[in-house]
Amino acid sequence: MARNVVKTRDYSFRGLKREGIDYRAKAAIAFAVCLFFTLQATAQYVAYAFGYHPALGWSFPVVGYRVYPFYRAAYWLYVLMSAYEESRSSVAAMSAFIFSAGLIISAFAARRCYQKGKSESLESLHGSAHWATLKEIQNAGLLDGDGEPFDEGVVVGGVKIGKEVKMMRHGGREHILCYAPTRSGKGISLVLPTLLDGWRQSVFVLDIKSENHALSAGYRAKELGQKILKLDFTDPDALEKGTSATFNPLEEVKLDYIFEPGKKLPDHRDPEMPAFQLVPSGTNSETSSIQQIVAIIVDPQGKGVQDHWGATRSSMKSAGAAA
């Protein structure tokens, strides 16, 4: 069964929109690229003006042309401007023009990238919420690469692609929270589709009104072959009619046993098995288990009982449970 494995990174649409290179870095990259082409153009012009003389140094062929290293342009320009001669005045002037024009273009490109990036970053000054694009939905792991729903996952909504509505499912390890007012459709839009057509693994549902159990328990038991347990502490017929599962916390108490060496049970199948008897109540792990259960009931927040009556209530419940 196909499962959508979500990558470990930021999955918020806001993070997907703003991810990438910082606008300051973009401006620096733009300036560096333009400066590179400026130096390269200057070097190529100087080499062309001097007829690709061997004294200019090594070069490498590219598509039938001799290309010189860009960093030599600065040194050649320095030599042409410092050792000015009438015969080389036109070459020096044109080289200086190419270099100066390239610097201006580099500065303009860097400033343009900086201003554009800064203005884009200010767009989210008063919030960046927006309807997600198809690419953002796919990057968030809610649709596959072809824009189709995954076979399994928690239903988180739907998106209309063309004339068809695709169900978005999330099968990653992240937590999912749906926050909406009462009677706004959380159950019928997200919870029930997840129980009926989304999540096919085991599930624990806090169903106060028993609506989700009534609508999905039969399907999950018959079609998915799962064992359904409904635990309703307010059901008066749970024990007699079996309409609800039951849970007695006192059954979790670890009873203490002691073996009596030398004594054998007369009706025991294994004659070598020693007899045993229950230790009187209030010893060892039995008392500890009772105190833990009572502490959960009396102090569910785990902050400790601060007042006298709370401590007394805890002691009385422990004694009653032990009895």
C-alpha atoms as a PDB file:
ATOM      1  CA  MET A   1       0.000   0.000   0.000  1.00  0.00           C
ATOM      2  CA  ALA A   2       1.449   3.322  -1.022  1.00  0.00           C
ATOM      3  CA  ARG A   3       2.246   5.716   1.778  1.00  0.00           C
ATOM      4  CA  ASN A   4       3.380   9.292   1.392  1.00  0.00           C
ATOM      5  CA  VAL A   5       6.640   9.686   3.290  1.00  0.00           C
ATOM      6  CA  VAL A   6       7.075  13.340   4.192  1.00  0.00           C
ATOM      7  CA  LYS A   7      10.603  14.747   4.262  1.00  0.00           C
ATOM      8  CA  THR A   8      11.944  16.187   7.480  1.00  0.00           C
ATOM      9  CA  ARG A   9      11.735  19.928   6.947  1.00  0.00           C
ATOM     10  CA  ASP A  10       9.343  22.837   7.284  1.00  0.00           C
ATOM     11  CA  TYR A  11       5.956  21.894   5.789  1.00  0.00           C
ATOM     12  CA  SER A  12       4.100  25.148   6.368  1.00  0.00           C
ATOM     13  CA  PHE A  13       3.019  26.937   3.207  1.00  0.00           C
ATOM     14  CA  ARG A  14       4.576  30.085   4.595  1.00  0.00           C
ATOM     15  CA  GLY A  15       7.929  28.340   4.850  1.00  0.00           C
ATOM     16  CA  LEU A  16       7.573  26.939   1.347  1.00  0.00           C
ATOM     17  CA  LYS A  17       6.941  30.408  -0.057  1.00  0.00           C
ATOM     18  CA  ARG A  18       9.830  32.148   1.624  1.00  0.00           C
ATOM     19  CA  GLU A  19      12.438  29.407   1.354  1.00  0.00           C
ATOM     20  CA  GLY A  20      15.505  30.055  -0.831  1.00  0.00           C
ATOM     21  CA  ILE A  21      18.462  32.409  -0.977  1.00  0.00           C
ATOM     22  CA  ASP A  22      18.374  35.644   1.002  1.00  0.00           C
ATOM     23  CA  TYR A  23      17.931  38.787  -1.079  1.00  0.00           C
ATOM     24  CA  ARG A  24      21.301  40.165   0.102  1.00  0.00           C
ATOM     25  CA  ALA A  25      23.011  37.037  -1.178  1.00  0.00           C
ATOM     26  CA  LYS A  26      21.124  37.353  -4.472  1.00  0.00           C
ATOM     27  CA  ALA A  27      22.388  40.909  -4.869  1.00  0.00           C
ATOM     28  CA  ALA A  28      25.967  39.804  -4.193  1.00  0.00           C
ATOM     29  CA  ILE A  29      25.665  36.946  -6.688  1.00  0.00           C
ATOM     30  CA  ALA A  30      24.250  39.262  -9.337  1.00  0.00           C
ATOM     31  CA  PHE A  31      27.121  41.707  -8.861  1.00  0.00           C
ATOM     32  CA  ALA A  32      29.724  38.923  -9.017  1.00  0.00           C
ATOM     33  CA  VAL A  33      28.260  37.420 -12.206  1.00  0.00           C
ATOM     34  CA  CYS A  34      28.067  40.788 -13.977  1.00  0.00           C
ATOM     35  CA  LEU A  35      31.606  41.643 -12.876  1.00  0.00           C
ATOM     36  CA  PHE A  36      32.847  38.327 -14.242  1.00  0.00           C
ATOM     37  CA  PHE A  37      31.375  39.009 -17.678  1.00  0.00           C
ATOM     38  CA  THR A  38      32.718  42.579 -17.550  1.00  0.00           C
ATOM     39  CA  LEU A  39      36.273  41.390 -16.935  1.00  0.00           C
ATOM     40  CA  GLN A  40      35.925  38.634 -19.512  1.00  0.00           C
ATOM     41  CA  ALA A  41      34.686  41.088 -22.152  1.00  0.00           C
ATOM     42  CA  THR A  42      37.545  43.478 -21.364  1.00  0.00           C
ATOM     43  CA  ALA A  43      40.131  40.693 -21.608  1.00  0.00           C
ATOM     44  CA  GLN A  44      38.756  39.459 -24.902  1.00  0.00           C
ATOM     45  CA  TYR A  45      38.746  42.972 -26.395  1.00  0.00           C
ATOM     46  CA  VAL A  46      42.383  43.632 -25.386  1.00  0.00           C
ATOM     47  CA  ALA A  47      43.444  40.283 -26.831  1.00  0.00           C
ATOM     48  CA  TYR A  48      41.562  41.020 -30.043  1.00  0.00           C
ATOM     49  CA  ALA A  49      43.063  44.508 -30.303  1.00  0.00           C
ATOM     50  CA  PHE A  50      46.606  43.115 -30.081  1.00  0.00           C
ATOM     51  CA  GLY A  51      45.919  40.277 -32.487  1.00  0.00           C
ATOM     52  CA  TYR A  52      46.062  37.525 -29.875  1.00  0.00           C
ATOM     53  CA  HIS A  53      49.789  38.074 -29.484  1.00  0.00           C
ATOM     54  CA  PRO A  54      51.721  35.205 -27.809  1.00  0.00           C
ATOM     55  CA  ALA A  55      53.023  37.667 -25.197  1.00  0.00           C
ATOM     56  CA  LEU A  56      49.507  37.884 -23.770  1.00  0.00           C
ATOM     57  CA  GLY A  57      49.956  34.425 -22.255  1.00  0.00           C
ATOM     58  CA  TRP A  58      48.066  31.196 -22.446  1.00  0.00           C
ATOM     59  CA  SER A  59      44.473  30.787 -23.564  1.00  0.00           C
ATOM     60  CA  PHE A  60      42.089  27.910 -24.201  1.00  0.00           C
ATOM     61  CA  PRO A  61      39.978  27.321 -27.302  1.00  0.00           C
ATOM     62  CA  VAL A  62      36.190  27.474 -27.101  1.00  0.00           C
ATOM     63  CA  VAL A  63      34.205  26.799 -30.294  1.00  0.00           C
ATOM     64  CA  GLY A  64      37.081  27.963 -32.435  1.00  0.00           C
ATOM     65  CA  TYR A  65      37.840  31.095 -30.394  1.00  0.00           C
ATOM     66  CA  ARG A  66      40.735  31.769 -28.049  1.00  0.00           C
ATOM     67  CA  VAL A  67      39.448  32.632 -24.589  1.00  0.00           C
ATOM     68  CA  TYR A  68      41.723  34.302 -22.051  1.00  0.00           C
ATOM     69  CA  PRO A  69      41.308  34.168 -18.245  1.00  0.00           C
ATOM     70  CA  PHE A  70      39.044  36.956 -17.014  1.00  0.00           C
ATOM     71  CA  TYR A  71      41.358  37.983 -14.160  1.00  0.00           C
ATOM     72  CA  ARG A  72      44.033  39.180 -16.642  1.00  0.00           C
ATOM     73  CA  ALA A  73      41.780  42.025 -17.742  1.00  0.00           C
ATOM     74  CA  ALA A  74      42.493  44.045 -14.590  1.00  0.00           C
ATOM     75  CA  TYR A  75      46.274  43.752 -15.049  1.00  0.00           C
ATOM     76  CA  TRP A  76      46.138  44.567 -18.769  1.00  0.00           C
ATOM     77  CA  LEU A  77      43.942  47.585 -18.098  1.00  0.00           C
ATOM     78  CA  TYR A  78      46.376  48.788 -15.432  1.00  0.00           C
ATOM     79  CA  VAL A  79      49.318  48.474 -17.858  1.00  0.00           C
ATOM     80  CA  LEU A  80      47.459  50.269 -20.657  1.00  0.00           C
ATOM     81  CA  MET A  81      46.458  53.174 -18.438  1.00  0.00           C
ATOM     82  CA  SER A  82      49.820  53.559 -16.674  1.00  0.00           C
ATOM     83  CA  ALA A  83      52.078  53.241 -19.756  1.00  0.00           C
ATOM     84  CA  TYR A  84      50.004  55.506 -21.982  1.00  0.00           C
ATOM     85  CA  GLU A  85      51.171  55.755 -25.592  1.00  0.00           C
ATOM     86  CA  GLU A  86      49.571  57.383 -28.589  1.00  0.00           C
ATOM     87  CA  SER A  87      49.588  54.122 -30.520  1.00  0.00           C
ATOM     88  CA  ARG A  88      47.636  52.384 -27.778  1.00  0.00           C
ATOM     89  CA  SER A  89      45.358  55.219 -26.744  1.00  0.00           C
ATOM     90  CA  SER A  90      42.311  53.902 -28.614  1.00  0.00           C
ATOM     91  CA  VAL A  91      42.720  50.420 -27.106  1.00  0.00           C
ATOM     92  CA  ALA A  92      43.107  51.857 -23.607  1.00  0.00           C
ATOM     93  CA  ALA A  93      40.096  54.128 -24.040  1.00  0.00           C
ATOM     94  CA  MET A  94      37.836  51.347 -25.338  1.00  0.00           C
ATOM     95  CA  SER A  95      39.000  48.933 -22.611  1.00  0.00           C
ATOM     96  CA  ALA A  96      38.310  51.521 -19.941  1.00  0.00           C
ATOM     97  CA  PHE A  97      34.876  52.165 -21.455  1.00  0.00           C
ATOM     98  CA  ILE A  98      33.981  48.460 -21.485  1.00  0.00           C
ATOM     99  CA  PHE A  99      35.165  48.034 -17.912  1.00  0.00           C
ATOM    100  CA  SER A 100      33.382  51.162 -16.656  1.00  0.00           C
ATOM    101  CA  ALA A 101      30.141  50.269 -18.407  1.00  0.00           C
ATOM    102  CA  GLY A 102      30.333  46.769 -16.960  1.00  0.00           C
ATOM    103  CA  LEU A 103      30.824  48.126 -13.449  1.00  0.00           C
ATOM    104  CA  ILE A 104      27.782  50.360 -13.837  1.00  0.00           C
ATOM    105  CA  ILE A 105      25.690  47.458 -15.112  1.00  0.00           C
ATOM    106  CA  SER A 106      26.933  45.250 -12.232  1.00  0.00           C
ATOM    107  CA  ALA A 107      26.020  47.855  -9.641  1.00  0.00           C
ATOM    108  CA  PHE A 108      22.601  48.415 -11.232  1.00  0.00           C
ATOM    109  CA  ALA A 109      21.864  44.659 -11.339  1.00  0.00           C
ATOM    110  CA  ALA A 110      22.921  44.202  -7.702  1.00  0.00           C
ATOM    111  CA  ARG A 111      20.791  47.132  -6.564  1.00  0.00           C
ATOM    112  CA  ARG A 112      17.824  45.876  -8.554  1.00  0.00           C
ATOM    113  CA  CYS A 113      18.052  42.407  -6.971  1.00  0.00           C
ATOM    114  CA  TYR A 114      18.428  43.923  -3.521  1.00  0.00           C
ATOM    115  CA  GLN A 115      15.396  46.200  -3.866  1.00  0.00           C
ATOM    116  CA  LYS A 116      13.229  43.483  -5.386  1.00  0.00           C
ATOM    117  CA  GLY A 117      14.167  40.960  -2.702  1.00  0.00           C
ATOM    118  CA  LYS A 118      13.594  43.477   0.061  1.00  0.00           C
ATOM    119  CA  SER A 119      10.179  44.451  -1.290  1.00  0.00           C
ATOM    120  CA  GLU A 120       9.184  40.770  -1.533  1.00  0.00           C
ATOM    121  CA  SER A 121      10.226  40.195   2.077  1.00  0.00           C
ATOM    122  CA  LEU A 122       8.012  43.085   3.180  1.00  0.00           C
ATOM    123  CA  GLU A 123       4.972  41.524   1.512  1.00  0.00           C
ATOM    124  CA  SER A 124       4.518  39.260   4.550  1.00  0.00           C
ATOM    125  CA  LEU A 125       4.859  42.134   7.031  1.00  0.00           C
ATOM    126  CA  HIS A 126       1.108  42.020   7.751  1.00  0.00           C
ATOM    127  CA  GLY A 127       0.762  38.271   7.188  1.00  0.00           C
ATOM    128  CA  SER A 128       1.684  35.766   4.517  1.00  0.00           C
ATOM    129  CA  ALA A 129      -1.419  33.552   4.436  1.00  0.00           C
ATOM    130  CA  HIS A 130      -2.538  32.592   0.944  1.00  0.00           C
ATOM    131  CA  TRP A 131      -4.246  29.790  -0.926  1.00  0.00           C
ATOM    132  CA  ALA A 132      -1.687  27.072  -1.569  1.00  0.00           C
ATOM    133  CA  THR A 133      -0.617  26.355  -5.100  1.00  0.00           C
ATOM    134  CA  LEU A 134      -0.466  22.829  -6.511  1.00  0.00           C
ATOM    135  CA  LYS A 135       3.325  22.844  -6.225  1.00  0.00           C
ATOM    136  CA  GLU A 136       3.158  23.853  -2.560  1.00  0.00           C
ATOM    137  CA  ILE A 137       0.607  21.100  -1.848  1.00  0.00           C
ATOM    138  CA  GLN A 138       2.878  18.515  -3.464  1.00  0.00           C
ATOM    139  CA  ASN A 139       5.920  19.786  -1.552  1.00  0.00           C
ATOM    140  CA  ALA A 140       3.928  19.522   1.669  1.00  0.00           C
ATOM    141  CA  GLY A 141       3.338  15.815   0.977  1.00  0.00           C
ATOM    142  CA  LEU A 142      -0.465  16.065   0.584  1.00  0.00           C
ATOM    143  CA  LEU A 143      -0.529  14.968  -3.090  1.00  0.00           C
ATOM    144  CA  ASP A 144       1.908  12.850  -5.052  1.00  0.00           C
ATOM    145  CA  GLY A 145       4.166  14.128  -7.831  1.00  0.00           C
ATOM    146  CA  ASP A 146       1.394  13.682 -10.429  1.00  0.00           C
ATOM    147  CA  GLY A 147      -1.126  15.642  -8.385  1.00  0.00           C
ATOM    148  CA  GLU A 148      -3.053  12.512  -7.368  1.00  0.00           C
ATOM    149  CA  PRO A 149      -4.200  11.614  -3.826  1.00  0.00           C
ATOM    150  CA  PHE A 150      -2.281   9.075  -1.779  1.00  0.00           C
ATOM    151  CA  ASP A 151      -3.906   5.752  -0.968  1.00  0.00           C
ATOM    152  CA  GLU A 152      -3.757   6.273   2.780  1.00  0.00           C
ATOM    153  CA  GLY A 153      -3.388   9.085   5.278  1.00  0.00           C
ATOM    154  CA  VAL A 154      -5.251  11.513   7.479  1.00  0.00           C
ATOM    155  CA  VAL A 155      -7.674  13.560   5.388  1.00  0.00           C
ATOM    156  CA  VAL A 156      -6.864  17.261   5.756  1.00  0.00           C
ATOM    157  CA  GLY A 157      -8.996  18.740   2.975  1.00  0.00           C
ATOM    158  CA  GLY A 158      -9.540  18.797  -0.752  1.00  0.00           C
ATOM    159  CA  VAL A 159      -8.333  20.798  -3.735  1.00  0.00           C
ATOM    160  CA  LYS A 160     -10.082  21.340  -7.043  1.00  0.00           C
ATOM    161  CA  ILE A 161      -7.837  20.523 -10.009  1.00  0.00           C
ATOM    162  CA  GLY A 162      -9.662  21.160 -13.239  1.00  0.00           C
ATOM    163  CA  LYS A 163     -13.174  19.815 -12.791  1.00  0.00           C
ATOM    164  CA  GLU A 164     -12.214  17.181 -10.229  1.00  0.00           C
ATOM    165  CA  VAL A 165     -11.741  17.574  -6.472  1.00  0.00           C
ATOM    166  CA  LYS A 166      -8.689  15.729  -5.142  1.00  0.00           C
ATOM    167  CA  MET A 167      -8.660  14.576  -1.531  1.00  0.00           C
ATOM    168  CA  MET A 168      -5.511  15.632   0.328  1.00  0.00           C
ATOM    169  CA  ARG A 169      -4.108  13.057   2.745  1.00  0.00           C
ATOM    170  CA  HIS A 170      -1.191  13.386   5.143  1.00  0.00           C
ATOM    171  CA  GLY A 171       0.632  10.191   6.099  1.00  0.00           C
ATOM    172  CA  GLY A 172       3.724  11.642   7.751  1.00  0.00           C
ATOM    173  CA  ARG A 173       4.853  11.581  11.369  1.00  0.00           C
ATOM    174  CA  GLU A 174       3.887  15.166  12.123  1.00  0.00           C
ATOM    175  CA  HIS A 175       0.981  16.168  14.366  1.00  0.00           C
ATOM    176  CA  ILE A 176      -2.176  17.537  12.746  1.00  0.00           C
ATOM    177  CA  LEU A 177      -4.455  20.107  14.370  1.00  0.00           C
ATOM    178  CA  CYS A 178      -7.800  21.280  13.018  1.00  0.00           C
ATOM    179  CA  TYR A 179      -9.113  24.377  14.767  1.00  0.00           C
ATOM    180  CA  ALA A 180     -12.627  25.535  13.916  1.00  0.00           C
ATOM    181  CA  PRO A 181     -15.831  26.641  15.717  1.00  0.00           C
ATOM    182  CA  THR A 182     -18.529  24.225  16.842  1.00  0.00           C
ATOM    183  CA  ARG A 183     -20.829  22.876  14.105  1.00  0.00           C
ATOM    184  CA  SER A 184     -18.493  24.103  11.361  1.00  0.00           C
ATOM    185  CA  GLY A 185     -18.069  20.694   9.734  1.00  0.00           C
ATOM    186  CA  LYS A 186     -14.852  19.321  11.240  1.00  0.00           C
ATOM    187  CA  GLY A 187     -16.313  15.868  11.756  1.00  0.00           C
ATOM    188  CA  ILE A 188     -18.065  15.405   8.441  1.00  0.00           C
ATOM    189  CA  SER A 189     -15.236  17.010   6.441  1.00  0.00           C
ATOM    190  CA  LEU A 190     -12.127  15.576   8.087  1.00  0.00           C
ATOM    191  CA  VAL A 191     -12.777  13.064  10.888  1.00  0.00           C
ATOM    192  CA  LEU A 192     -15.281  10.773   9.172  1.00  0.00           C
ATOM    193  CA  PRO A 193     -13.437  10.689   5.816  1.00  0.00           C
ATOM    194  CA  THR A 194     -10.283   9.787   7.736  1.00  0.00           C
ATOM    195  CA  LEU A 195     -12.025   6.946   9.588  1.00  0.00           C
ATOM    196  CA  LEU A 196     -13.826   5.632   6.484  1.00  0.00           C
ATOM    197  CA  ASP A 197     -11.418   6.215   3.610  1.00  0.00           C
ATOM    198  CA  GLY A 198      -8.180   7.669   4.965  1.00  0.00           C
ATOM    199  CA  TRP A 199      -6.468   6.014   7.890  1.00  0.00           C
ATOM    200  CA  ARG A 200      -6.603   2.211   7.753  1.00  0.00           C
ATOM    201  CA  GLN A 201      -4.269   1.554  10.669  1.00  0.00           C
ATOM    202  CA  SER A 202      -5.280   1.366  14.333  1.00  0.00           C
ATOM    203  CA  VAL A 203      -6.900   4.506  15.688  1.00  0.00           C
ATOM    204  CA  PHE A 204      -7.922   5.906  19.076  1.00  0.00           C
ATOM    205  CA  VAL A 205     -10.921   8.254  18.917  1.00  0.00           C
ATOM    206  CA  LEU A 206     -12.195  10.497  21.708  1.00  0.00           C
ATOM    207  CA  ASP A 207     -15.842  10.357  20.715  1.00  0.00           C
ATOM    208  CA  ILE A 208     -17.897  12.049  23.416  1.00  0.00           C
ATOM    209  CA  LYS A 209     -21.165  11.983  21.448  1.00  0.00           C
ATOM    210  CA  SER A 210     -20.566   8.460  20.021  1.00  0.00           C
ATOM    211  CA  GLU A 211     -21.309   9.821  16.534  1.00  0.00           C
ATOM    212  CA  ASN A 212     -18.063   8.648  14.955  1.00  0.00           C
ATOM    213  CA  HIS A 213     -18.449   5.175  16.461  1.00  0.00           C
ATOM    214  CA  ALA A 214     -21.967   4.827  15.129  1.00  0.00           C
ATOM    215  CA  LEU A 215     -20.973   5.840  11.589  1.00  0.00           C
ATOM    216  CA  SER A 216     -17.595   4.137  11.187  1.00  0.00           C
ATOM    217  CA  ALA A 217     -17.370   1.162  13.593  1.00  0.00           C
ATOM    218  CA  GLY A 218     -19.249  -1.228  11.291  1.00  0.00           C
ATOM    219  CA  TYR A 219     -17.161  -0.356   8.252  1.00  0.00           C
ATOM    220  CA  ARG A 220     -13.837  -0.698  10.054  1.00  0.00           C
ATOM    221  CA  ALA A 221     -14.882  -4.012  11.609  1.00  0.00           C
ATOM    222  CA  LYS A 222     -16.298  -5.565   8.408  1.00  0.00           C
ATOM    223  CA  GLU A 223     -14.146  -4.103   5.648  1.00  0.00           C
ATOM    224  CA  LEU A 224     -10.851  -3.596   7.484  1.00  0.00           C
ATOM    225  CA  GLY A 225     -11.176  -6.573   9.811  1.00  0.00           C
ATOM    226  CA  GLN A 226     -10.378  -4.526  12.902  1.00  0.00           C
ATOM    227  CA  LYS A 227     -11.503  -5.136  16.456  1.00  0.00           C
ATOM    228  CA  ILE A 228     -13.640  -2.237  17.678  1.00  0.00           C
ATOM    229  CA  LEU A 229     -13.767  -1.378  21.371  1.00  0.00           C
ATOM    230  CA  LYS A 230     -16.173   1.231  22.670  1.00  0.00           C
ATOM    231  CA  LEU A 231     -15.372   2.381  26.193  1.00  0.00           C
ATOM    232  CA  ASP A 232     -18.272   4.308  27.710  1.00  0.00           C
ATOM    233  CA  PHE A 233     -18.004   4.846  31.469  1.00  0.00           C
ATOM    234  CA  THR A 234     -21.569   6.194  31.602  1.00  0.00           C
ATOM    235  CA  ASP A 235     -23.199   3.115  30.045  1.00  0.00           C
ATOM    236  CA  PRO A 236     -25.277   1.383  32.774  1.00  0.00           C
ATOM    237  CA  ASP A 237     -25.704  -1.802  30.686  1.00  0.00           C
ATOM    238  CA  ALA A 238     -22.019  -2.318  29.923  1.00  0.00           C
ATOM    239  CA  LEU A 239     -21.618  -5.325  32.246  1.00  0.00           C
ATOM    240  CA  GLU A 240     -25.010  -6.993  31.799  1.00  0.00           C
ATOM    241  CA  LYS A 241     -25.569  -6.513  28.071  1.00  0.00           C
ATOM    242  CA  GLY A 242     -22.016  -5.937  26.877  1.00  0.00           C
ATOM    243  CA  THR A 243     -22.911  -2.700  25.079  1.00  0.00           C
ATOM    244  CA  SER A 244     -19.569  -1.190  26.038  1.00  0.00           C
ATOM    245  CA  ALA A 245     -16.122  -2.334  26.995  1.00  0.00           C
ATOM    246  CA  THR A 246     -15.240  -2.127  30.667  1.00  0.00           C
ATOM    247  CA  PHE A 247     -12.115  -1.214  32.539  1.00  0.00           C
ATOM    248  CA  ASN A 248     -11.403  -1.674  36.225  1.00  0.00           C
ATOM    249  CA  PRO A 249      -8.214   0.191  37.209  1.00  0.00           C
ATOM    250  CA  LEU A 250      -7.866  -1.969  40.335  1.00  0.00           C
ATOM    251  CA  GLU A 251      -7.243  -4.976  38.091  1.00  0.00           C
ATOM    252  CA  GLU A 252      -3.888  -3.372  37.262  1.00  0.00           C
ATOM    253  CA  VAL A 253      -2.760  -3.769  40.876  1.00  0.00           C
ATOM    254  CA  LYS A 254       0.185  -6.134  41.100  1.00  0.00           C
ATOM    255  CA  LEU A 255      -0.707  -8.710  43.740  1.00  0.00           C
ATOM    256  CA  ASP A 256       2.093 -10.044  45.900  1.00  0.00           C
ATOM    257  CA  TYR A 257       2.724 -13.789  46.082  1.00  0.00           C
ATOM    258  CA  ILE A 258       5.067 -15.841  48.234  1.00  0.00           C
ATOM    259  CA  PHE A 259       6.173 -19.403  47.645  1.00  0.00           C
ATOM    260  CA  GLU A 260       6.268 -21.848  50.519  1.00  0.00           C
ATOM    261  CA  PRO A 261       9.296 -24.153  50.157  1.00  0.00           C
ATOM    262  CA  GLY A 262       8.643 -27.792  50.916  1.00  0.00           C
ATOM    263  CA  LYS A 263       4.863 -27.624  50.480  1.00  0.00           C
ATOM    264  CA  LYS A 264       3.111 -28.988  47.429  1.00  0.00           C
ATOM    265  CA  LEU A 265      -0.404 -28.534  46.169  1.00  0.00           C
ATOM    266  CA  PRO A 266      -2.210 -31.908  46.350  1.00  0.00           C
ATOM    267  CA  ASP A 267      -4.144 -31.427  43.121  1.00  0.00           C
ATOM    268  CA  HIS A 268      -1.442 -29.690  41.106  1.00  0.00           C
ATOM    269  CA  ARG A 269      -0.483 -31.301  37.816  1.00  0.00           C
ATOM    270  CA  ASP A 270       3.206 -30.737  38.368  1.00  0.00           C
ATOM    271  CA  PRO A 271       4.288 -32.401  41.612  1.00  0.00           C
ATOM    272  CA  GLU A 272       7.504 -30.397  41.648  1.00  0.00           C
ATOM    273  CA  MET A 273       5.705 -27.031  41.598  1.00  0.00           C
ATOM    274  CA  PRO A 274       5.838 -25.452  45.091  1.00  0.00           C
ATOM    275  CA  ALA A 275       2.685 -24.170  46.676  1.00  0.00           C
ATOM    276  CA  PHE A 276       2.139 -20.429  46.996  1.00  0.00           C
ATOM    277  CA  GLN A 277      -0.133 -18.092  48.907  1.00  0.00           C
ATOM    278  CA  LEU A 278      -1.109 -14.438  48.716  1.00  0.00           C
ATOM    279  CA  VAL A 279       0.780 -12.031  50.934  1.00  0.00           C
ATOM    280  CA  PRO A 280      -1.493 -10.025  53.276  1.00  0.00           C
ATOM    281  CA  SER A 281      -2.694  -6.728  51.754  1.00  0.00           C
ATOM    282  CA  GLY A 282      -0.563  -3.639  52.249  1.00  0.00           C
ATOM    283  CA  THR A 283       2.871  -4.985  51.438  1.00  0.00           C
ATOM    284  CA  ASN A 284       5.475  -4.452  48.722  1.00  0.00           C
ATOM    285  CA  SER A 285       4.338  -3.675  45.152  1.00  0.00           C
ATOM    286  CA  GLU A 286       0.606  -4.008  45.885  1.00  0.00           C
ATOM    287  CA  THR A 287       0.582  -0.878  48.038  1.00  0.00           C
ATOM    288  CA  SER A 288       2.722   0.985  45.512  1.00  0.00           C
ATOM    289  CA  SER A 289       0.350   0.128  42.648  1.00  0.00           C
ATOM    290  CA  ILE A 290      -2.705   1.258  44.644  1.00  0.00           C
ATOM    291  CA  GLN A 291      -1.047   4.548  45.569  1.00  0.00           C
ATOM    292  CA  GLN A 292      -0.158   5.229  41.926  1.00  0.00           C
ATOM    293  CA  ILE A 293      -3.725   4.623  40.761  1.00  0.00           C
ATOM    294  CA  VAL A 294      -5.183   6.821  43.503  1.00  0.00           C
ATOM    295  CA  ALA A 295      -2.666   9.559  42.736  1.00  0.00           C
ATOM    296  CA  ILE A 296      -3.806   9.599  39.096  1.00  0.00           C
ATOM    297  CA  ILE A 297      -7.447   9.936  40.178  1.00  0.00           C
ATOM    298  CA  VAL A 298      -6.929  12.508  42.924  1.00  0.00           C
ATOM    299  CA  ASP A 299      -4.186  14.525  41.224  1.00  0.00           C
ATOM    300  CA  PRO A 300      -4.513  14.035  37.434  1.00  0.00           C
ATOM    301  CA  GLN A 301      -2.323  17.082  36.682  1.00  0.00           C
ATOM    302  CA  GLY A 302       0.600  15.678  38.673  1.00  0.00           C
ATOM    303  CA  LYS A 303       1.160  18.907  40.614  1.00  0.00           C
ATOM    304  CA  GLY A 304       0.894  17.287  44.038  1.00  0.00           C
ATOM    305  CA  VAL A 305      -1.819  17.532  46.691  1.00  0.00           C
ATOM    306  CA  GLN A 306      -1.294  20.788  48.557  1.00  0.00           C
ATOM    307  CA  ASP A 307      -4.193  20.978  51.036  1.00  0.00           C
ATOM    308  CA  HIS A 308      -5.113  18.803  54.021  1.00  0.00           C
ATOM    309  CA  TRP A 309      -8.406  17.551  52.614  1.00  0.00           C
ATOM    310  CA  GLY A 310      -6.791  16.506  49.350  1.00  0.00           C
ATOM    311  CA  ALA A 311      -4.183  14.448  51.199  1.00  0.00           C
ATOM    312  CA  THR A 312      -6.876  12.917  53.421  1.00  0.00           C
ATOM    313  CA  ARG A 313      -9.004  12.031  50.401  1.00  0.00           C
ATOM    314  CA  SER A 314      -6.003  10.325  48.818  1.00  0.00           C
ATOM    315  CA  SER A 315      -5.343   8.275  51.967  1.00  0.00           C
ATOM    316  CA  MET A 316      -8.986   7.232  52.281  1.00  0.00           C
ATOM    317  CA  LYS A 317      -9.173   6.109  48.684  1.00  0.00           C
ATOM    318  CA  SER A 318      -5.965   4.130  49.044  1.00  0.00           C
ATOM    319  CA  ALA A 319      -7.333   2.383  52.114  1.00  0.00           C
ATOM    320  CA  GLY A 320     -10.668   1.664  50.410  1.00  0.00           C
ATOM    321  CA  ALA A 321      -8.972   0.243  47.343  1.00  0.00           C
ATOM    322  CA  ALA A 322      -6.710  -1.959  49.431  1.00  0.00           C
ATOM    323  CA  ALA A 323      -9.689  -3.262  51.386  1.00  0.00           C
END
